Amino acid sequence: MRTTADRIRHALSFELIALVLITPLGAWIFDQPLHDMGVVSVISAAIAMAWNYLFNLGFDHALLYWRGDTRKTLAIRLGHAALFELGLIAILAPFIAWYLGISLITALIMDVGFSGFYLVYAFAFNWLYDMLYPVAARPRPAD
């Protein structure tokens, strides 16, 4: 397993590299000022981190209440991921629309684009991170 320091390095580098990539890319694709897209990107990242904590806490409590444990099957994991993304889009789209002065539909399209970026980015980042910082293999404790 990864250490706490490694997890902190992972989380910070994930967010910082994503902001460096998504801010100019979003400004260019959506024809928005770089500064405005920077504000949207930073605030959206902060909201996403808070939503991640709150959603996962609530989801685990719901699982514990309904199932008696927090183990996740494949179907539960798929539902978890879909509900997380839908909730995040529902939170972020109104903020994006308000801050950029665009329609809610345009903000929704923008937010779905950001979600697509993060899906691909998370896959690539985590793959590269695991190659750069492999976890040392530890033998399983004897039963």
C-alpha atoms as a PDB file:
ATOM      1  CA  MET A   1       0.000   0.000   0.000  1.00  0.00           C
ATOM      2  CA  ARG A   2       1.016   3.591  -0.525  1.00  0.00           C
ATOM      3  CA  THR A   3       2.184   5.753   2.357  1.00  0.00           C
ATOM      4  CA  THR A   4       0.355   8.888   3.487  1.00  0.00           C
ATOM      5  CA  ALA A   5       3.116  11.072   2.033  1.00  0.00           C
ATOM      6  CA  ASP A   6       2.829   9.262  -1.297  1.00  0.00           C
ATOM      7  CA  ARG A   7      -0.959   9.719  -1.313  1.00  0.00           C
ATOM      8  CA  ILE A   8      -0.534  13.441  -0.645  1.00  0.00           C
ATOM      9  CA  ARG A   9       2.050  13.712  -3.458  1.00  0.00           C
ATOM     10  CA  HIS A  10      -0.350  11.832  -5.733  1.00  0.00           C
ATOM     11  CA  ALA A  11      -3.363  14.037  -4.940  1.00  0.00           C
ATOM     12  CA  LEU A  12      -1.466  17.330  -5.213  1.00  0.00           C
ATOM     13  CA  SER A  13       0.352  16.418  -8.413  1.00  0.00           C
ATOM     14  CA  PHE A  14      -2.895  15.107  -9.935  1.00  0.00           C
ATOM     15  CA  GLU A  15      -4.706  18.388  -9.269  1.00  0.00           C
ATOM     16  CA  LEU A  16      -1.837  20.723 -10.201  1.00  0.00           C
ATOM     17  CA  ILE A  17      -1.055  18.992 -13.505  1.00  0.00           C
ATOM     18  CA  ALA A  18      -4.759  18.834 -14.348  1.00  0.00           C
ATOM     19  CA  LEU A  19      -5.123  22.582 -13.733  1.00  0.00           C
ATOM     20  CA  VAL A  20      -2.097  23.337 -15.915  1.00  0.00           C
ATOM     21  CA  LEU A  21      -3.655  21.275 -18.718  1.00  0.00           C
ATOM     22  CA  ILE A  22      -7.368  22.041 -18.417  1.00  0.00           C
ATOM     23  CA  THR A  23      -7.175  25.807 -17.951  1.00  0.00           C
ATOM     24  CA  PRO A  24      -5.601  26.755 -21.290  1.00  0.00           C
ATOM     25  CA  LEU A  25      -7.297  23.879 -23.084  1.00  0.00           C
ATOM     26  CA  GLY A  26     -10.714  24.911 -21.761  1.00  0.00           C
ATOM     27  CA  ALA A  27     -10.081  28.569 -22.573  1.00  0.00           C
ATOM     28  CA  TRP A  28      -9.164  27.658 -26.139  1.00  0.00           C
ATOM     29  CA  ILE A  29     -11.939  25.111 -26.788  1.00  0.00           C
ATOM     30  CA  PHE A  30     -14.719  27.170 -25.206  1.00  0.00           C
ATOM     31  CA  ASP A  31     -13.377  30.564 -26.345  1.00  0.00           C
ATOM     32  CA  GLN A  32     -13.179  31.975 -22.810  1.00  0.00           C
ATOM     33  CA  PRO A  33     -10.576  34.283 -21.261  1.00  0.00           C
ATOM     34  CA  LEU A  34      -7.699  32.350 -19.683  1.00  0.00           C
ATOM     35  CA  HIS A  35      -8.167  34.112 -16.328  1.00  0.00           C
ATOM     36  CA  ASP A  36     -11.872  33.248 -16.192  1.00  0.00           C
ATOM     37  CA  MET A  37     -11.193  29.638 -17.106  1.00  0.00           C
ATOM     38  CA  GLY A  38      -8.477  29.554 -14.442  1.00  0.00           C
ATOM     39  CA  VAL A  39     -10.941  30.707 -11.787  1.00  0.00           C
ATOM     40  CA  VAL A  40     -13.516  28.164 -12.954  1.00  0.00           C
ATOM     41  CA  SER A  41     -10.881  25.394 -12.970  1.00  0.00           C
ATOM     42  CA  VAL A  42      -9.517  26.128  -9.488  1.00  0.00           C
ATOM     43  CA  ILE A  43     -12.928  26.561  -7.861  1.00  0.00           C
ATOM     44  CA  SER A  44     -14.278  23.491  -9.667  1.00  0.00           C
ATOM     45  CA  ALA A  45     -11.321  21.415  -8.427  1.00  0.00           C
ATOM     46  CA  ALA A  46     -11.948  22.579  -4.851  1.00  0.00           C
ATOM     47  CA  ILE A  47     -15.662  21.801  -5.143  1.00  0.00           C
ATOM     48  CA  ALA A  48     -14.866  18.386  -6.662  1.00  0.00           C
ATOM     49  CA  MET A  49     -12.561  17.511  -3.766  1.00  0.00           C
ATOM     50  CA  ALA A  50     -15.211  18.525  -1.217  1.00  0.00           C
ATOM     51  CA  TRP A  51     -17.911  16.651  -3.154  1.00  0.00           C
ATOM     52  CA  ASN A  52     -15.647  13.580  -3.305  1.00  0.00           C
ATOM     53  CA  TYR A  53     -15.349  13.538   0.477  1.00  0.00           C
ATOM     54  CA  LEU A  54     -19.026  14.227   1.187  1.00  0.00           C
ATOM     55  CA  PHE A  55     -20.385  11.898  -1.488  1.00  0.00           C
ATOM     56  CA  ASN A  56     -18.180   8.975  -0.468  1.00  0.00           C
ATOM     57  CA  LEU A  57     -18.990   9.482   3.203  1.00  0.00           C
ATOM     58  CA  GLY A  58     -22.718   9.556   2.460  1.00  0.00           C
ATOM     59  CA  PHE A  59     -22.496   6.626   0.056  1.00  0.00           C
ATOM     60  CA  ASP A  60     -20.679   4.477   2.614  1.00  0.00           C
ATOM     61  CA  HIS A  61     -23.243   5.370   5.302  1.00  0.00           C
ATOM     62  CA  ALA A  62     -26.058   4.466   2.884  1.00  0.00           C
ATOM     63  CA  LEU A  63     -24.410   1.128   2.087  1.00  0.00           C
ATOM     64  CA  LEU A  64     -23.944   0.414   5.758  1.00  0.00           C
ATOM     65  CA  TYR A  65     -27.608   1.222   6.451  1.00  0.00           C
ATOM     66  CA  TRP A  66     -29.078  -0.733   3.512  1.00  0.00           C
ATOM     67  CA  ARG A  67     -26.619  -3.632   3.202  1.00  0.00           C
ATOM     68  CA  GLY A  68     -24.958  -3.842   6.610  1.00  0.00           C
ATOM     69  CA  ASP A  69     -21.447  -3.328   5.174  1.00  0.00           C
ATOM     70  CA  THR A  70     -19.562  -1.084   2.751  1.00  0.00           C
ATOM     71  CA  ARG A  71     -18.285  -3.697   0.319  1.00  0.00           C
ATOM     72  CA  LYS A  72     -18.965  -2.766  -3.303  1.00  0.00           C
ATOM     73  CA  THR A  73     -19.889  -5.139  -6.097  1.00  0.00           C
ATOM     74  CA  LEU A  74     -19.169  -4.213  -9.713  1.00  0.00           C
ATOM     75  CA  ALA A  75     -22.758  -2.969 -10.115  1.00  0.00           C
ATOM     76  CA  ILE A  76     -22.487  -0.843  -6.976  1.00  0.00           C
ATOM     77  CA  ARG A  77     -19.153   0.581  -8.180  1.00  0.00           C
ATOM     78  CA  LEU A  78     -20.675   1.509 -11.544  1.00  0.00           C
ATOM     79  CA  GLY A  79     -23.633   3.142  -9.812  1.00  0.00           C
ATOM     80  CA  HIS A  80     -21.296   4.899  -7.400  1.00  0.00           C
ATOM     81  CA  ALA A  81     -19.228   6.372 -10.249  1.00  0.00           C
ATOM     82  CA  ALA A  82     -22.296   7.444 -12.236  1.00  0.00           C
ATOM     83  CA  LEU A  83     -24.002   9.058  -9.234  1.00  0.00           C
ATOM     84  CA  PHE A  84     -20.781  10.842  -8.265  1.00  0.00           C
ATOM     85  CA  GLU A  85     -20.362  12.340 -11.747  1.00  0.00           C
ATOM     86  CA  LEU A  86     -24.036  13.292 -12.083  1.00  0.00           C
ATOM     87  CA  GLY A  87     -23.944  14.975  -8.686  1.00  0.00           C
ATOM     88  CA  LEU A  88     -20.762  16.848  -9.533  1.00  0.00           C
ATOM     89  CA  ILE A  89     -22.203  18.037 -12.847  1.00  0.00           C
ATOM     90  CA  ALA A  90     -25.374  19.178 -11.057  1.00  0.00           C
ATOM     91  CA  ILE A  91     -23.252  21.181  -8.616  1.00  0.00           C
ATOM     92  CA  LEU A  92     -20.741  22.625 -11.094  1.00  0.00           C
ATOM     93  CA  ALA A  93     -22.918  23.518 -14.109  1.00  0.00           C
ATOM     94  CA  PRO A  94     -24.857  26.303 -12.319  1.00  0.00           C
ATOM     95  CA  PHE A  95     -21.602  27.747 -10.941  1.00  0.00           C
ATOM     96  CA  ILE A  96     -19.953  27.684 -14.376  1.00  0.00           C
ATOM     97  CA  ALA A  97     -23.019  29.287 -15.994  1.00  0.00           C
ATOM     98  CA  TRP A  98     -23.138  32.025 -13.374  1.00  0.00           C
ATOM     99  CA  TYR A  99     -19.417  32.808 -13.311  1.00  0.00           C
ATOM    100  CA  LEU A 100     -18.911  32.841 -17.078  1.00  0.00           C
ATOM    101  CA  GLY A 101     -22.286  34.466 -17.816  1.00  0.00           C
ATOM    102  CA  ILE A 102     -23.325  31.663 -20.169  1.00  0.00           C
ATOM    103  CA  SER A 103     -26.496  29.604 -20.466  1.00  0.00           C
ATOM    104  CA  LEU A 104     -27.005  26.588 -18.251  1.00  0.00           C
ATOM    105  CA  ILE A 105     -27.069  24.342 -21.340  1.00  0.00           C
ATOM    106  CA  THR A 106     -23.710  25.723 -22.517  1.00  0.00           C
ATOM    107  CA  ALA A 107     -22.302  25.265 -19.008  1.00  0.00           C
ATOM    108  CA  LEU A 108     -23.641  21.706 -18.933  1.00  0.00           C
ATOM    109  CA  ILE A 109     -21.920  20.927 -22.238  1.00  0.00           C
ATOM    110  CA  MET A 110     -18.721  22.482 -20.905  1.00  0.00           C
ATOM    111  CA  ASP A 111     -18.977  20.488 -17.676  1.00  0.00           C
ATOM    112  CA  VAL A 112     -19.566  17.210 -19.527  1.00  0.00           C
ATOM    113  CA  GLY A 113     -16.459  18.028 -21.593  1.00  0.00           C
ATOM    114  CA  PHE A 114     -14.464  18.574 -18.404  1.00  0.00           C
ATOM    115  CA  SER A 115     -15.748  15.238 -17.072  1.00  0.00           C
ATOM    116  CA  GLY A 116     -14.587  13.508 -20.249  1.00  0.00           C
ATOM    117  CA  PHE A 117     -11.178  15.129 -19.930  1.00  0.00           C
ATOM    118  CA  TYR A 118     -10.836  14.010 -16.307  1.00  0.00           C
ATOM    119  CA  LEU A 119     -11.878  10.464 -17.155  1.00  0.00           C
ATOM    120  CA  VAL A 120      -9.071  10.125 -19.710  1.00  0.00           C
ATOM    121  CA  TYR A 121      -6.637  12.184 -17.640  1.00  0.00           C
ATOM    122  CA  ALA A 122      -7.195  10.123 -14.469  1.00  0.00           C
ATOM    123  CA  PHE A 123      -6.542   6.896 -16.355  1.00  0.00           C
ATOM    124  CA  ALA A 124      -3.337   8.220 -17.949  1.00  0.00           C
ATOM    125  CA  PHE A 125      -2.095  10.028 -14.836  1.00  0.00           C
ATOM    126  CA  ASN A 126      -2.568   7.032 -12.549  1.00  0.00           C
ATOM    127  CA  TRP A 127      -0.918   4.689 -15.022  1.00  0.00           C
ATOM    128  CA  LEU A 128       2.117   6.974 -15.354  1.00  0.00           C
ATOM    129  CA  TYR A 129       2.218   7.649 -11.617  1.00  0.00           C
ATOM    130  CA  ASP A 130       2.296   3.919 -10.886  1.00  0.00           C
ATOM    131  CA  MET A 131       5.165   3.520 -13.363  1.00  0.00           C
ATOM    132  CA  LEU A 132       7.150   6.419 -11.855  1.00  0.00           C
ATOM    133  CA  TYR A 133       6.394   5.560  -8.219  1.00  0.00           C
ATOM    134  CA  PRO A 134       5.740   1.814  -8.042  1.00  0.00           C
ATOM    135  CA  VAL A 135       4.496   0.361  -4.800  1.00  0.00           C
ATOM    136  CA  ALA A 136       7.009  -1.999  -3.262  1.00  0.00           C
ATOM    137  CA  ALA A 137       5.658  -5.500  -3.163  1.00  0.00           C
ATOM    138  CA  ARG A 138       5.029  -6.724   0.365  1.00  0.00           C
ATOM    139  CA  PRO A 139       4.454 -10.332   1.214  1.00  0.00           C
ATOM    140  CA  ARG A 140       1.037 -11.154   2.624  1.00  0.00           C
ATOM    141  CA  PRO A 141       1.057 -11.967   6.322  1.00  0.00           C
ATOM    142  CA  ALA A 142       0.778 -15.664   7.092  1.00  0.00           C
ATOM    143  CA  ASP A 143      -2.645 -16.792   8.269  1.00  0.00           C
END
